[in-house]
C-alpha atoms as a PDB file:
ATOM      1  CA  MET A   1      -8.022  14.750 -20.883  1.00  0.00           C
ATOM      2  CA  ALA A   2      -7.784  17.522 -18.114  1.00  0.00           C
ATOM      3  CA  GLU A   3     -11.686  18.505 -17.810  1.00  0.00           C
ATOM      4  CA  HIS A   4     -13.604  20.240 -14.606  1.00  0.00           C
ATOM      5  CA  LYS A   5     -16.408  21.885 -13.837  1.00  0.00           C
ATOM      6  CA  ASP A   6     -16.771  25.758 -14.752  1.00  0.00           C
ATOM      7  CA  LEU A   7     -13.834  26.945 -13.361  1.00  0.00           C
ATOM      8  CA  ALA A   8     -14.236  28.388  -9.892  1.00  0.00           C
ATOM      9  CA  SER A   9     -12.749  31.311  -8.469  1.00  0.00           C
ATOM     10  CA  LYS A  10     -10.423  30.976  -5.634  1.00  0.00           C
ATOM     11  CA  GLU A  11     -13.275  32.332  -3.157  1.00  0.00           C
ATOM     12  CA  GLN A  12     -15.572  29.609  -4.365  1.00  0.00           C
ATOM     13  CA  VAL A  13     -12.754  26.945  -4.002  1.00  0.00           C
ATOM     14  CA  GLU A  14     -12.015  28.233  -0.419  1.00  0.00           C
ATOM     15  CA  GLU A  15     -15.651  28.159   0.385  1.00  0.00           C
ATOM     16  CA  TYR A  16     -16.011  24.840  -0.943  1.00  0.00           C
ATOM     17  CA  TYR A  17     -13.278  23.142   0.871  1.00  0.00           C
ATOM     18  CA  ASN A  18     -14.305  24.775   4.325  1.00  0.00           C
ATOM     19  CA  LYS A  19     -17.394  23.195   3.959  1.00  0.00           C
ATOM     20  CA  PHE A  20     -15.875  20.076   2.765  1.00  0.00           C
ATOM     21  CA  LYS A  21     -14.138  19.536   6.067  1.00  0.00           C
ATOM     22  CA  GLU A  22     -17.031  18.323   7.639  1.00  0.00           C
ATOM     23  CA  HIS A  23     -16.958  15.087   5.176  1.00  0.00           C
ATOM     24  CA  GLN A  24     -13.145  14.922   5.976  1.00  0.00           C
ATOM     25  CA  LYS A  25     -13.726  14.616   9.730  1.00  0.00           C
ATOM     26  CA  LYS A  26     -16.605  12.131   9.131  1.00  0.00           C
ATOM     27  CA  LEU A  27     -14.228  10.045   6.981  1.00  0.00           C
ATOM     28  CA  GLY A  28     -11.185  10.396   9.186  1.00  0.00           C
ATOM     29  CA  VAL A  29      -8.095   8.488   8.365  1.00  0.00           C
ATOM     30  CA  ASN A  30      -8.675   5.473   5.805  1.00  0.00           C
ATOM     31  CA  ILE A  31      -6.933   3.245   3.633  1.00  0.00           C
ATOM     32  CA  ARG A  32      -5.996   5.638   1.165  1.00  0.00           C
ATOM     33  CA  HIS A  33      -4.235   7.845   3.526  1.00  0.00           C
ATOM     34  CA  ARG A  34      -2.394   4.732   4.985  1.00  0.00           C
ATOM     35  CA  THR A  35      -1.619   4.004   1.688  1.00  0.00           C
ATOM     36  CA  ILE A  36       0.072   7.182   0.758  1.00  0.00           C
ATOM     37  CA  PHE A  37       1.984   6.964   3.853  1.00  0.00           C
ATOM     38  CA  LYS A  38       3.356   3.529   3.044  1.00  0.00           C
ATOM     39  CA  ASN A  39       4.133   4.804  -0.358  1.00  0.00           C
ATOM     40  CA  LEU A  40       6.300   7.488   1.256  1.00  0.00           C
ATOM     41  CA  LYS A  41       7.976   5.108   3.500  1.00  0.00           C
ATOM     42  CA  LYS A  42       9.071   2.938   0.581  1.00  0.00           C
ATOM     43  CA  LEU A  43      10.677   6.109  -1.001  1.00  0.00           C
ATOM     44  CA  ASN A  44      12.841   6.284   2.268  1.00  0.00           C
ATOM     45  CA  LEU A  45      11.242   8.687   4.260  1.00  0.00           C
ATOM     46  CA  LYS A  46      12.995   9.125   7.840  1.00  0.00           C
ATOM     47  CA  PRO A  47      12.684  10.621  11.013  1.00  0.00           C
ATOM     48  CA  ASP A  48      14.641  13.390  10.304  1.00  0.00           C
ATOM     49  CA  SER A  49      13.083  14.043   6.704  1.00  0.00           C
ATOM     50  CA  ASN A  50      11.874  17.461   5.926  1.00  0.00           C
ATOM     51  CA  VAL A  51       8.274  16.854   4.370  1.00  0.00           C
ATOM     52  CA  LEU A  52       5.992  19.463   2.697  1.00  0.00           C
ATOM     53  CA  GLU A  53       2.482  18.183   2.147  1.00  0.00           C
ATOM     54  CA  ILE A  54       0.350  20.365  -0.363  1.00  0.00           C
ATOM     55  CA  GLY A  55      -3.282  20.230  -0.246  1.00  0.00           C
ATOM     56  CA  CYS A  56      -2.996  18.722   3.592  1.00  0.00           C
ATOM     57  CA  GLY A  57      -6.727  19.386   4.159  1.00  0.00           C
ATOM     58  CA  ILE A  58      -7.586  18.670   7.846  1.00  0.00           C
ATOM     59  CA  GLY A  59      -4.201  16.847   8.267  1.00  0.00           C
ATOM     60  CA  THR A  60      -5.312  13.047   8.006  1.00  0.00           C
ATOM     61  CA  VAL A  61      -2.312  11.982   5.998  1.00  0.00           C
ATOM     62  CA  SER A  62      -0.204  14.629   8.082  1.00  0.00           C
ATOM     63  CA  SER A  63      -1.130  12.557  11.060  1.00  0.00           C
ATOM     64  CA  GLN A  64       0.327   9.548   9.660  1.00  0.00           C
ATOM     65  CA  ILE A  65       3.833  11.347   8.204  1.00  0.00           C
ATOM     66  CA  LEU A  66       4.095  12.718  11.803  1.00  0.00           C
ATOM     67  CA  LYS A  67       4.153   9.399  13.367  1.00  0.00           C
ATOM     68  CA  LEU A  68       7.526   8.941  11.637  1.00  0.00           C
ATOM     69  CA  VAL A  69       8.893  12.410  11.062  1.00  0.00           C
ATOM     70  CA  THR A  70       9.567  13.324  14.626  1.00  0.00           C
ATOM     71  CA  LYS A  71      12.817  15.040  14.084  1.00  0.00           C
ATOM     72  CA  GLY A  72      12.609  16.620  10.635  1.00  0.00           C
ATOM     73  CA  CYS A  73      10.160  19.737   9.530  1.00  0.00           C
ATOM     74  CA  PHE A  74       6.864  19.229   8.763  1.00  0.00           C
ATOM     75  CA  VAL A  75       4.667  21.739   6.844  1.00  0.00           C
ATOM     76  CA  GLY A  76       1.142  20.986   5.592  1.00  0.00           C
ATOM     77  CA  VAL A  77      -0.501  23.919   3.122  1.00  0.00           C
ATOM     78  CA  ASP A  78      -4.079  23.922   2.242  1.00  0.00           C
ATOM     79  CA  ILE A  79      -6.321  26.642   0.572  1.00  0.00           C
ATOM     80  CA  SER A  80      -8.959  26.338   3.495  1.00  0.00           C
ATOM     81  CA  ASN A  81      -8.419  28.035   6.490  1.00  0.00           C
ATOM     82  CA  GLU A  82     -10.842  26.089   8.273  1.00  0.00           C
ATOM     83  CA  SER A  83      -9.341  22.682   7.470  1.00  0.00           C
ATOM     84  CA  ILE A  84      -5.799  24.295   8.413  1.00  0.00           C
ATOM     85  CA  GLU A  85      -7.309  25.082  11.861  1.00  0.00           C
ATOM     86  CA  VAL A  86      -8.763  21.413  12.582  1.00  0.00           C
ATOM     87  CA  ALA A  87      -5.205  20.156  11.157  1.00  0.00           C
ATOM     88  CA  LYS A  88      -3.570  22.091  13.840  1.00  0.00           C
ATOM     89  CA  LYS A  89      -5.841  20.607  16.637  1.00  0.00           C
ATOM     90  CA  LEU A  90      -5.572  17.136  15.412  1.00  0.00           C
ATOM     91  CA  ASN A  91      -1.430  17.502  15.104  1.00  0.00           C
ATOM     92  CA  LYS A  92      -0.997  19.794  18.228  1.00  0.00           C
ATOM     93  CA  ALA A  93       1.116  17.285  19.889  1.00  0.00           C
ATOM     94  CA  SER A  94       3.560  17.339  17.044  1.00  0.00           C
ATOM     95  CA  LYS A  95       5.815  20.320  17.949  1.00  0.00           C
ATOM     96  CA  ASN A  96       7.932  20.078  14.669  1.00  0.00           C
ATOM     97  CA  ALA A  97       4.711  20.602  12.496  1.00  0.00           C
ATOM     98  CA  GLU A  98       3.654  23.888  10.871  1.00  0.00           C
ATOM     99  CA  PHE A  99       0.243  24.222   8.934  1.00  0.00           C
ATOM    100  CA  ILE A 100      -0.350  27.280   7.014  1.00  0.00           C
ATOM    101  CA  VAL A 101      -3.012  28.453   4.517  1.00  0.00           C
ATOM    102  CA  ASN A 102      -1.938  29.102   1.135  1.00  0.00           C
ATOM    103  CA  ASP A 103      -2.819  28.234  -2.415  1.00  0.00           C
ATOM    104  CA  MET A 104       0.803  27.816  -3.818  1.00  0.00           C
ATOM    105  CA  SER A 105       0.341  30.502  -6.084  1.00  0.00           C
ATOM    106  CA  THR A 106       3.115  32.246  -4.113  1.00  0.00           C
ATOM    107  CA  PHE A 107       4.709  30.270  -1.284  1.00  0.00           C
ATOM    108  CA  SER A 108       8.170  30.307   0.045  1.00  0.00           C
ATOM    109  CA  HIS A 109       9.811  28.501   3.342  1.00  0.00           C
ATOM    110  CA  LYS A 110      13.266  28.942   4.912  1.00  0.00           C
ATOM    111  CA  VAL A 111      13.127  24.959   4.859  1.00  0.00           C
ATOM    112  CA  LYS A 112      14.742  23.030   1.898  1.00  0.00           C
ATOM    113  CA  PHE A 113      12.451  19.709   1.609  1.00  0.00           C
ATOM    114  CA  ASP A 114      13.368  16.148   0.968  1.00  0.00           C
ATOM    115  CA  PHE A 115       9.903  14.946   0.292  1.00  0.00           C
ATOM    116  CA  ILE A 116       6.935  16.886  -1.184  1.00  0.00           C
ATOM    117  CA  VAL A 117       3.509  14.870  -1.051  1.00  0.00           C
ATOM    118  CA  LEU A 118       0.642  15.874  -3.065  1.00  0.00           C
ATOM    119  CA  PRO A 119      -2.317  13.478  -1.633  1.00  0.00           C
ATOM    120  CA  ASP A 120      -5.152  13.581  -4.341  1.00  0.00           C
ATOM    121  CA  VAL A 121      -4.951  17.309  -4.678  1.00  0.00           C
ATOM    122  CA  LEU A 122      -3.532  18.108  -8.111  1.00  0.00           C
ATOM    123  CA  GLU A 123      -6.680  16.857  -9.886  1.00  0.00           C
ATOM    124  CA  HIS A 124      -8.326  19.848  -7.678  1.00  0.00           C
ATOM    125  CA  ILE A 125      -5.987  22.494  -9.009  1.00  0.00           C
ATOM    126  CA  PRO A 126      -6.680  23.955 -12.601  1.00  0.00           C
ATOM    127  CA  VAL A 127      -4.081  22.279 -14.911  1.00  0.00           C
ATOM    128  CA  GLU A 128      -3.213  25.594 -16.027  1.00  0.00           C
ATOM    129  CA  GLN A 129      -1.764  26.347 -12.806  1.00  0.00           C
ATOM    130  CA  HIS A 130       0.212  23.330 -12.354  1.00  0.00           C
ATOM    131  CA  ALA A 131       3.471  24.736 -14.302  1.00  0.00           C
ATOM    132  CA  LYS A 132       3.599  27.640 -11.735  1.00  0.00           C
ATOM    133  CA  ILE A 133       2.999  25.024  -8.897  1.00  0.00           C
ATOM    134  CA  PHE A 134       6.005  22.778 -10.001  1.00  0.00           C
ATOM    135  CA  GLN A 135       8.225  25.767 -10.514  1.00  0.00           C
ATOM    136  CA  THR A 136       7.594  26.694  -6.779  1.00  0.00           C
ATOM    137  CA  ILE A 137       8.179  23.288  -5.545  1.00  0.00           C
ATOM    138  CA  SER A 138      11.297  23.130  -7.406  1.00  0.00           C
ATOM    139  CA  LEU A 139      12.638  25.915  -5.632  1.00  0.00           C
ATOM    140  CA  LEU A 140      11.443  24.703  -2.224  1.00  0.00           C
ATOM    141  CA  SER A 141      13.026  21.081  -2.747  1.00  0.00           C
ATOM    142  CA  LYS A 142      16.627  19.719  -2.555  1.00  0.00           C
ATOM    143  CA  LYS A 143      18.580  18.640  -5.282  1.00  0.00           C
ATOM    144  CA  THR A 144      17.654  14.943  -3.823  1.00  0.00           C
ATOM    145  CA  ALA A 145      14.050  15.635  -3.221  1.00  0.00           C
ATOM    146  CA  VAL A 146      11.400  12.997  -4.081  1.00  0.00           C
ATOM    147  CA  VAL A 147       7.829  14.151  -5.028  1.00  0.00           C
ATOM    148  CA  LEU A 148       4.955  11.576  -4.364  1.00  0.00           C
ATOM    149  CA  ILE A 149       1.742  12.437  -6.006  1.00  0.00           C
ATOM    150  CA  ASN A 150      -1.361  10.486  -5.708  1.00  0.00           C
ATOM    151  CA  ILE A 151      -4.335  11.188  -7.972  1.00  0.00           C
ATOM    152  CA  PRO A 152      -7.637   8.972  -9.080  1.00  0.00           C
ATOM    153  CA  GLU A 153      -6.676   6.891 -12.115  1.00  0.00           C
ATOM    154  CA  PRO A 154      -7.949   9.073 -14.973  1.00  0.00           C
ATOM    155  CA  TYR A 155     -10.153   6.664 -16.733  1.00  0.00           C
ATOM    156  CA  THR A 156     -11.825   5.957 -13.344  1.00  0.00           C
ATOM    157  CA  LEU A 157     -12.569   9.434 -12.875  1.00  0.00           C
ATOM    158  CA  ASP A 158     -14.023   9.876 -16.442  1.00  0.00           C
ATOM    159  CA  TRP A 159     -16.466   7.082 -15.196  1.00  0.00           C
ATOM    160  CA  PHE A 160     -17.762   9.267 -12.375  1.00  0.00           C
ATOM    161  CA  ARG A 161     -17.958  12.273 -14.612  1.00  0.00           C
ATOM    162  CA  ARG A 162     -20.198  10.521 -17.048  1.00  0.00           C
ATOM    163  CA  ASN A 163     -22.417   8.602 -14.277  1.00  0.00           C
ATOM    164  CA  THR A 164     -22.382  10.297 -11.144  1.00  0.00           C
ATOM    165  CA  PRO A 165     -21.083  13.580 -11.816  1.00  0.00           C
ATOM    166  CA  GLU A 166     -22.756  14.880  -8.581  1.00  0.00           C
ATOM    167  CA  THR A 167     -19.864  13.215  -6.540  1.00  0.00           C
ATOM    168  CA  LEU A 168     -17.206  15.281  -8.201  1.00  0.00           C
ATOM    169  CA  GLN A 169     -15.777  17.955  -6.099  1.00  0.00           C
ATOM    170  CA  ILE A 170     -15.757  21.919  -7.222  1.00  0.00           C
ATOM    171  CA  ILE A 171     -12.904  21.283  -9.712  1.00  0.00           C
ATOM    172  CA  ASP A 172     -12.158  17.549 -10.154  1.00  0.00           C
ATOM    173  CA  GLN A 173      -9.804  16.893 -13.499  1.00  0.00           C
ATOM    174  CA  SER A 174      -8.817  13.708 -15.217  1.00  0.00           C
ATOM    175  CA  LEU A 175      -5.195  14.240 -15.569  1.00  0.00           C
ATOM    176  CA  SER A 176      -3.253  12.647 -18.259  1.00  0.00           C
ATOM    177  CA  LEU A 177       0.586  11.919 -17.850  1.00  0.00           C
ATOM    178  CA  GLN A 178       0.917  14.198 -20.873  1.00  0.00           C
ATOM    179  CA  ASP A 179      -0.187  17.097 -18.863  1.00  0.00           C
ATOM    180  CA  LEU A 180       1.941  16.162 -15.929  1.00  0.00           C
ATOM    181  CA  CYS A 181       5.189  15.684 -17.830  1.00  0.00           C
ATOM    182  CA  ASN A 182       4.410  18.889 -19.939  1.00  0.00           C
ATOM    183  CA  ASN A 183       4.237  20.812 -16.589  1.00  0.00           C
ATOM    184  CA  VAL A 184       7.028  18.931 -14.492  1.00  0.00           C
ATOM    185  CA  TYR A 185       9.769  18.757 -16.965  1.00  0.00           C
ATOM    186  CA  PRO A 186      10.444  22.381 -17.580  1.00  0.00           C
ATOM    187  CA  ALA A 187      10.541  22.622 -13.560  1.00  0.00           C
ATOM    188  CA  GLY A 188      13.559  20.409 -13.603  1.00  0.00           C
ATOM    189  CA  PHE A 189      11.938  17.003 -12.555  1.00  0.00           C
ATOM    190  CA  TYR A 190      11.625  13.947 -14.445  1.00  0.00           C
ATOM    191  CA  LEU A 191       9.135  11.144 -14.248  1.00  0.00           C
ATOM    192  CA  PHE A 192      10.533   8.377 -11.918  1.00  0.00           C
ATOM    193  CA  SER A 193       7.712   5.643 -11.646  1.00  0.00           C
ATOM    194  CA  VAL A 194       4.086   5.621 -12.313  1.00  0.00           C
ATOM    195  CA  THR A 195       2.289   2.630 -10.372  1.00  0.00           C
ATOM    196  CA  PRO A 196      -1.431   2.083 -10.883  1.00  0.00           C
ATOM    197  CA  TYR A 197      -3.312   0.371  -8.153  1.00  0.00           C
ATOM    198  CA  GLY A 198      -6.597  -0.214  -6.859  1.00  0.00           C
ATOM    199  CA  LEU A 199      -8.396   0.602  -3.382  1.00  0.00           C
ATOM    200  CA  THR A 200     -11.981   0.616  -4.047  1.00  0.00           C
ATOM    201  CA  TYR A 201     -12.471  -1.415  -7.034  1.00  0.00           C
ATOM    202  CA  GLU A 202     -11.090  -4.676  -8.633  1.00  0.00           C
ATOM    203  CA  HIS A 203      -9.221  -2.586 -11.082  1.00  0.00           C
ATOM    204  CA  GLU A 204      -6.953   0.486 -10.605  1.00  0.00           C
ATOM    205  CA  ASP A 205      -8.650   3.362  -9.323  1.00  0.00           C
ATOM    206  CA  TYR A 206      -5.408   5.353  -8.225  1.00  0.00           C
ATOM    207  CA  LEU A 207      -2.141   6.220  -9.504  1.00  0.00           C
ATOM    208  CA  SER A 208       0.732   6.749  -7.535  1.00  0.00           C
ATOM    209  CA  ILE A 209       3.342   8.919  -9.430  1.00  0.00           C
ATOM    210  CA  VAL A 210       6.834   9.631  -8.132  1.00  0.00           C
ATOM    211  CA  LEU A 211       9.023  12.443  -9.505  1.00  0.00           C
ATOM    212  CA  LYS A 212      12.775  13.244  -9.054  1.00  0.00           C
ATOM    213  CA  LYS A 213      14.907  16.239  -9.799  1.00  0.00           C
ATOM    214  CA  ASN A 214      16.799  16.051 -12.875  1.00  0.00           C
ATOM    215  CA  PHE A 215      20.611  14.866 -12.515  1.00  0.00           C
ATOM    216  CA  ILE A 216      23.807  14.020 -14.459  1.00  0.00           C
ATOM    217  CA  ARG A 217      24.879  10.526 -14.092  1.00  0.00           C
ATOM    218  CA  GLU A 218      28.683  10.924 -13.211  1.00  0.00           C
ATOM    219  CA  GLU A 219      29.278   7.057 -13.418  1.00  0.00           C
ATOM    220  CA  LEU A 220      27.783   3.703 -14.373  1.00  0.00           C
ATOM    221  CA  ILE A 221      28.426   0.858 -11.516  1.00  0.00           C
ATOM    222  CA  PRO A 222      28.312  -2.599 -12.922  1.00  0.00           C
ATOM    223  CA  LYS A 223      26.880  -5.289 -10.960  1.00  0.00           C
ATOM    224  CA  GLN A 224      29.457  -8.125  -9.449  1.00  0.00           C
ATOM    225  CA  LYS A 225      29.804 -11.291 -11.661  1.00  0.00           C
ATOM    226  CA  ILE A 226      28.239 -13.126  -9.315  1.00  0.00           C
ATOM    227  CA  LYS A 227      25.074 -11.338  -8.840  1.00  0.00           C
ATOM    228  CA  LEU A 228      24.727 -11.101 -12.627  1.00  0.00           C
ATOM    229  CA  GLY A 229      24.926 -15.117 -12.826  1.00  0.00           C
ATOM    230  CA  PHE A 230      22.494 -15.604 -10.122  1.00  0.00           C
ATOM    231  CA  GLU A 231      20.208 -13.302 -11.605  1.00  0.00           C
ATOM    232  CA  ASN A 232      20.786 -14.917 -14.922  1.00  0.00           C
ATOM    233  CA  LEU A 233      19.908 -18.454 -13.466  1.00  0.00           C
ATOM    234  CA  LYS A 234      16.790 -16.961 -11.716  1.00  0.00           C
ATOM    235  CA  SER A 235      15.477 -15.697 -14.894  1.00  0.00           C
ATOM    236  CA  LYS A 236      15.916 -19.244 -16.645  1.00  0.00           C
ATOM    237  CA  ILE A 237      13.651 -20.873 -13.998  1.00  0.00           C
ATOM    238  CA  SER A 238      11.251 -18.140 -12.805  1.00  0.00           C
END
């Protein structure tokens, strides 16, 4: 299902997003950005969490994260150097924030991250590059790390491709979960949850996807009998 326009060069993509920053500036922080931030908070984002945002653009989602993450390290990465300059200015009050120009083909950092967020960026990176990106993310993340991916719901994006292709970005793929799993599992992650949700339409137009690192469960902790009894009773009357 991963389809996109003719594969663009890195330079073409950089140029596209250098111009696209003006659209992002006009749009500002919107419900999609706030929803991504709220989903991070549900995953136990804390003031001292170390966060890596891949595809930070002009720093709109970053600005929401940095309201909470005041003690941890925040790193925003984007392919567009002009977008990164805007992000720096937008978030200049946050002394714990660092914004770096990089396409994630080769990226390293001294910090190991608790959270890695990809806010509607993975669909804009050729799927052939995803395996390498998740291998890199694996090296950058702690054993307890959580990866939050927000992408357009693929069938919704297919509709745009059929009906209004001019609204798509330079690379805009409909990503299947099969494509995603084929690239994340070899990197040491597993699919923890997939939550479809709707923002602009009455049906689901986005997916919120959570990955966690593979682990070995050392023990199973049974629920207390009183809790099991209460849940059993609740199941009968709900």
